Protein backbone atom coordinates (compact mmCIF):
# COMPACT_ATOMS: atom_id res chain seq x y z
CA MET A 1 0.02 0.01 0.01
CA LEU A 2 2.78 2.42 0.85
CA LYS A 3 6.48 1.92 0.38
CA MET A 4 9.36 4.34 1.07
CA ASN A 5 12.83 3.12 0.29
CA HIS A 6 15.99 5.18 1.36
CA LEU A 7 13.87 8.32 1.39
CA SER A 8 15.39 11.68 2.21
CA LYS A 9 14.00 15.21 2.79
CA VAL A 10 16.41 18.18 3.00
CA TYR A 11 15.32 21.72 3.87
CA ARG A 12 17.86 24.34 2.47
CA THR A 13 18.34 27.97 3.18
CA HIS A 14 21.35 29.92 2.07
CA LEU A 15 23.52 28.92 4.84
CA ILE A 16 21.96 25.77 6.42
CA GLU A 17 20.90 22.37 5.27
CA THR A 18 18.44 20.50 7.55
CA HIS A 19 17.97 16.81 7.02
CA ALA A 20 14.51 16.08 8.24
CA LEU A 21 14.57 12.42 6.92
CA ARG A 22 17.64 10.50 6.04
CA ASP A 23 17.69 6.90 4.51
CA PHE A 24 14.05 6.62 5.68
CA SER A 25 12.63 3.06 4.60
CA ILE A 26 9.07 1.80 5.63
CA HIS A 27 6.72 -0.72 4.08
CA VAL A 28 3.09 -0.65 4.93
CA ARG A 29 0.96 -3.44 3.69
CA GLU A 30 -2.65 -3.05 2.67
CA GLY A 31 -4.93 -3.35 5.67
CA GLU A 32 -2.27 -2.67 8.21
CA PHE A 33 -2.71 -0.37 11.26
CA VAL A 34 0.81 1.11 11.85
CA ALA A 35 1.72 3.57 14.73
CA VAL A 36 4.65 5.74 14.15
CA THR A 37 6.21 7.16 17.39
CA GLY A 38 9.28 9.22 18.24
CA PRO A 39 10.31 12.40 20.10
CA SER A 40 9.46 15.95 19.03
CA GLY A 41 11.47 16.90 15.98
CA SER A 42 12.27 13.38 15.11
CA GLY A 43 10.65 13.68 11.55
CA LYS A 44 7.19 12.16 12.12
CA THR A 45 5.35 15.15 10.77
CA THR A 46 7.68 15.35 7.77
CA PHE A 47 7.13 11.63 7.06
CA LEU A 48 3.32 12.11 7.29
CA ASN A 49 3.31 15.12 5.04
CA ILE A 50 5.31 13.31 2.31
CA ALA A 51 3.13 10.18 2.80
CA GLY A 52 -0.06 12.30 2.24
CA LEU A 53 1.67 13.89 -0.81
CA LEU A 54 1.56 17.29 0.82
CA GLU A 55 5.35 17.69 0.57
CA GLU A 56 7.87 16.70 -1.97
CA PHE A 57 10.92 14.56 -1.00
CA SER A 58 14.68 15.08 -1.87
CA GLY A 59 15.69 11.61 -2.86
CA GLY A 60 14.82 7.91 -2.68
CA GLU A 61 11.80 5.88 -3.84
CA PHE A 62 8.09 6.31 -2.89
CA TRP A 63 5.14 4.29 -3.98
CA VAL A 64 1.42 4.68 -2.93
CA ASP A 65 -0.93 1.81 -3.70
CA GLY A 66 1.58 0.70 -6.42
CA VAL A 67 1.96 4.14 -8.06
CA ASP A 68 5.45 5.44 -8.26
CA VAL A 69 5.29 9.12 -7.10
CA ARG A 70 8.67 10.25 -8.35
CA GLY A 71 8.36 12.76 -11.19
CA MET A 72 4.74 13.58 -10.60
CA ASN A 73 3.57 17.10 -11.13
CA ASP A 74 1.46 19.04 -8.71
CA ASP A 75 -1.80 18.13 -10.56
CA GLN A 76 -0.99 14.33 -10.67
CA ARG A 77 -0.05 14.42 -6.98
CA SER A 78 -3.17 16.20 -6.05
CA ARG A 79 -5.35 13.73 -8.03
CA LEU A 80 -3.67 10.76 -6.42
CA ARG A 81 -4.06 12.24 -2.99
CA ASN A 82 -7.73 12.99 -3.47
CA GLU A 83 -8.38 9.47 -4.74
CA LYS A 84 -6.38 7.34 -2.36
CA ILE A 85 -5.75 9.25 0.90
CA GLY A 86 -7.84 10.63 3.76
CA PHE A 87 -6.42 12.86 6.61
CA ILE A 88 -7.39 13.16 10.36
CA PHE A 89 -5.70 16.00 12.18
CA GLN A 90 -5.23 16.65 15.82
CA GLY A 91 -7.15 20.05 15.63
CA PHE A 92 -10.16 18.61 13.90
CA ASN A 93 -10.04 21.39 11.28
CA LEU A 94 -13.85 21.66 10.87
CA ILE A 95 -15.33 24.81 9.53
CA PRO A 96 -17.37 26.44 12.38
CA ASP A 97 -19.77 28.21 10.09
CA LEU A 98 -20.86 24.90 8.45
CA ASN A 99 -23.09 22.12 9.88
CA LEU A 100 -21.78 18.61 10.00
CA PHE A 101 -23.30 17.63 6.81
CA ASP A 102 -21.76 20.56 4.96
CA ASN A 103 -18.38 19.96 6.65
CA VAL A 104 -18.31 16.42 5.29
CA ASP A 105 -19.53 17.68 1.89
CA VAL A 106 -16.70 20.22 1.28
CA PRO A 107 -14.13 17.64 0.04
CA LEU A 108 -16.72 15.71 -1.88
CA ARG A 109 -17.68 18.96 -3.78
CA TYR A 110 -13.92 19.41 -4.60
CA ARG A 111 -13.73 16.02 -6.13
CA GLY A 112 -16.70 16.62 -8.24
CA PHE A 113 -19.21 13.98 -6.94
CA ASN A 114 -22.78 14.71 -7.88
CA ALA A 115 -25.34 15.80 -5.36
CA ALA A 116 -27.04 12.32 -4.84
CA ASP A 117 -23.62 10.65 -4.42
CA ARG A 118 -22.48 13.28 -2.03
CA LYS A 119 -25.72 12.81 0.13
CA ARG A 120 -25.46 9.18 0.13
CA ARG A 121 -21.70 9.28 1.26
CA ILE A 122 -22.35 11.97 3.84
CA GLU A 123 -25.33 10.18 5.46
CA GLU A 124 -23.48 6.90 5.44
CA THR A 125 -20.22 8.12 7.01
CA LEU A 126 -21.91 10.20 9.65
CA SER A 127 -24.14 7.20 10.53
CA ARG A 128 -20.89 5.02 10.68
CA VAL A 129 -19.30 7.46 13.25
CA GLY A 130 -22.59 7.50 15.33
CA LEU A 131 -23.64 11.05 14.38
CA ALA A 132 -26.38 10.64 11.91
CA SER A 133 -28.89 12.35 14.27
CA ARG A 134 -26.73 15.35 14.42
CA MET A 135 -25.80 16.16 10.93
CA LYS A 136 -27.51 19.66 11.10
CA HIS A 137 -25.60 20.56 14.33
CA TYR A 138 -22.60 22.82 14.16
CA PRO A 139 -19.06 21.96 15.38
CA ALA A 140 -19.44 24.22 18.56
CA GLU A 141 -22.45 22.16 19.64
CA LEU A 142 -20.43 19.04 19.91
CA SER A 143 -17.91 17.59 22.34
CA GLY A 144 -14.18 17.12 21.26
CA GLY A 145 -14.70 13.51 20.72
CA GLN A 146 -17.74 14.12 18.56
CA GLN A 147 -15.84 16.75 16.51
CA GLN A 148 -13.03 14.22 15.92
CA ARG A 149 -15.67 11.78 14.77
CA VAL A 150 -16.93 14.30 12.23
CA ALA A 151 -13.34 14.77 11.03
CA ILE A 152 -13.13 10.98 10.64
CA ALA A 153 -16.40 10.93 8.63
CA ARG A 154 -15.09 13.65 6.36
CA ALA A 155 -11.89 11.71 5.69
CA LEU A 156 -13.98 8.48 5.06
CA ALA A 157 -16.64 9.99 2.71
CA GLY A 158 -14.18 9.86 -0.15
CA SER A 159 -13.47 6.10 0.35
CA PRO A 160 -9.71 6.33 0.90
CA ARG A 161 -7.47 3.40 0.62
CA LEU A 162 -5.07 4.97 3.07
CA LEU A 163 -5.98 6.97 6.19
CA LEU A 164 -3.28 9.19 7.81
CA ALA A 165 -3.95 10.37 11.36
CA ASP A 166 -1.75 12.82 12.96
CA GLU A 167 -2.11 12.70 16.81
CA PRO A 168 -5.89 12.09 16.31
CA THR A 169 -6.44 11.94 20.18
CA GLY A 170 -4.11 14.65 21.15
CA ASN A 171 -6.89 17.15 22.08
CA LEU A 172 -9.15 14.64 23.79
CA ASP A 173 -9.43 13.34 27.35
CA SER A 174 -8.64 9.58 28.00
CA LEU A 175 -12.29 8.55 27.68
CA MET A 176 -12.93 10.25 24.39
CA ALA A 177 -9.50 9.05 23.11
CA ARG A 178 -10.49 5.43 23.74
CA GLY A 179 -13.69 6.02 21.89
CA VAL A 180 -11.86 7.52 18.79
CA MET A 181 -9.31 4.65 18.89
CA GLU A 182 -12.07 1.92 18.94
CA LEU A 183 -13.52 3.68 15.91
CA LEU A 184 -10.18 3.58 14.00
CA GLU A 185 -9.87 -0.03 14.92
CA ASP A 186 -13.30 -0.75 13.49
CA ILE A 187 -12.29 1.21 10.30
CA ASN A 188 -9.17 -0.76 9.97
CA ARG A 189 -11.05 -4.04 10.44
CA GLN A 190 -13.17 -3.11 7.53
CA GLY A 191 -10.17 -2.97 5.23
CA THR A 192 -8.87 0.61 5.32
CA THR A 193 -5.00 1.02 5.81
CA ILE A 194 -4.06 3.40 8.73
CA ILE A 195 -0.85 5.11 9.65
CA MET A 196 -1.16 6.92 12.86
CA VAL A 197 1.37 9.32 14.53
CA THR A 198 1.14 9.27 18.22
CA HIS A 199 3.06 10.26 21.35
CA ASP A 200 0.67 7.96 23.44
CA PRO A 201 2.29 4.68 24.20
CA GLU A 202 -1.00 3.10 25.18
CA LEU A 203 -2.61 4.02 21.85
CA ALA A 204 0.53 2.96 19.90
CA ALA A 205 0.43 -0.46 21.59
CA ARG A 206 -3.12 -1.04 20.16
CA ALA A 207 -1.79 -0.72 16.58
CA GLN A 208 -0.71 -3.91 14.75
CA ARG A 209 2.75 -2.54 14.38
CA ASN A 210 4.89 0.24 15.84
CA VAL A 211 7.58 2.04 13.96
CA HIS A 212 9.89 4.44 15.94
CA VAL A 213 11.57 7.42 14.41
CA ILE A 214 14.63 9.32 15.67
CA ASP A 215 16.61 11.95 13.79
CA GLY A 216 14.73 11.33 10.64
CA GLN A 217 15.36 7.59 10.53
CA VAL A 218 13.42 4.49 11.40
CA THR A 219 15.33 3.02 14.32
CA ASP A 220 13.12 -0.03 15.30
CA PHE A 221 10.01 -1.72 14.10
CA GLU A 222 7.86 -4.79 14.59
CA ALA A 223 7.29 -7.53 11.85
CA GLU A 224 8.39 -5.30 8.98
CA PRO A 225 6.98 -6.91 5.86
CA GLN A 226 9.11 -7.60 2.73
CA LEU A 227 7.46 -6.28 -0.25
CA ARG A 228 8.30 -6.76 -3.91
CA VAL A 229 9.13 -3.40 -5.40
CA PRO A 230 6.29 -2.65 -7.94
CA ALA A 231 7.17 -1.83 -11.49
CA HIS A 232 6.24 1.76 -12.52
CA GLY A 233 2.60 1.93 -13.04
CA SER A 234 1.81 -1.36 -11.57
CA ASP A 235 -1.42 -1.75 -9.50
CA ALA A 236 -0.18 -2.85 -6.13
CA ALA A 237 2.71 -3.98 -4.07
CA VAL A 238 2.84 -7.66 -3.44
CA ALA A 239 3.65 -8.96 0.01
CA THR A 240 6.15 -11.72 0.31
CA VAL A 241 6.18 -12.19 4.05
């Protein structure tokens, strides 16, 4: 599903080079739930931004769902991101002046779904996260846990193959965090691949596999799968565990 091989990311100014990622390799199989941990400044957010096609990388190899990302222009990257990837952020990123239905609708309009399809997707995903009865409510009328569920519904409405979660429980108390984590586990059981960045060791332990990052490198991992490198344009990476 996602494969990075010897990836690097360098930020350059006139005087300084900062290596955010160096020789970074990770393989995530379709259907996995992987937690990425590490101290602040270790490169976790840079990894997640590159994985989500929000940032370019400096060197190495990168495939998403069998598609070689190298050499893609902005339009191609945007198309791939919109078709394959969903995002969940720590800060929810809901639009306060829109009700829940319209918040989930925004990215679907951007992708060009027709009105009937959008309505079906919105109702199905809000129901899936337990908020079907509140779709006309506004974000300020919800608890933090409910707002994060709306953010998850918004991410799921486009049927992503890969869900990237950046500290999805960071703004929640422990009870709400457990509820959100249970929802993510259920989403994963239904086939969606999830990569979650977290500082919480309890939540990381609930993932199928943990990857630890320090100084822009993967330092340890559990049950790292061996994947055949896909040919350019192939449909999927094949596991050879």
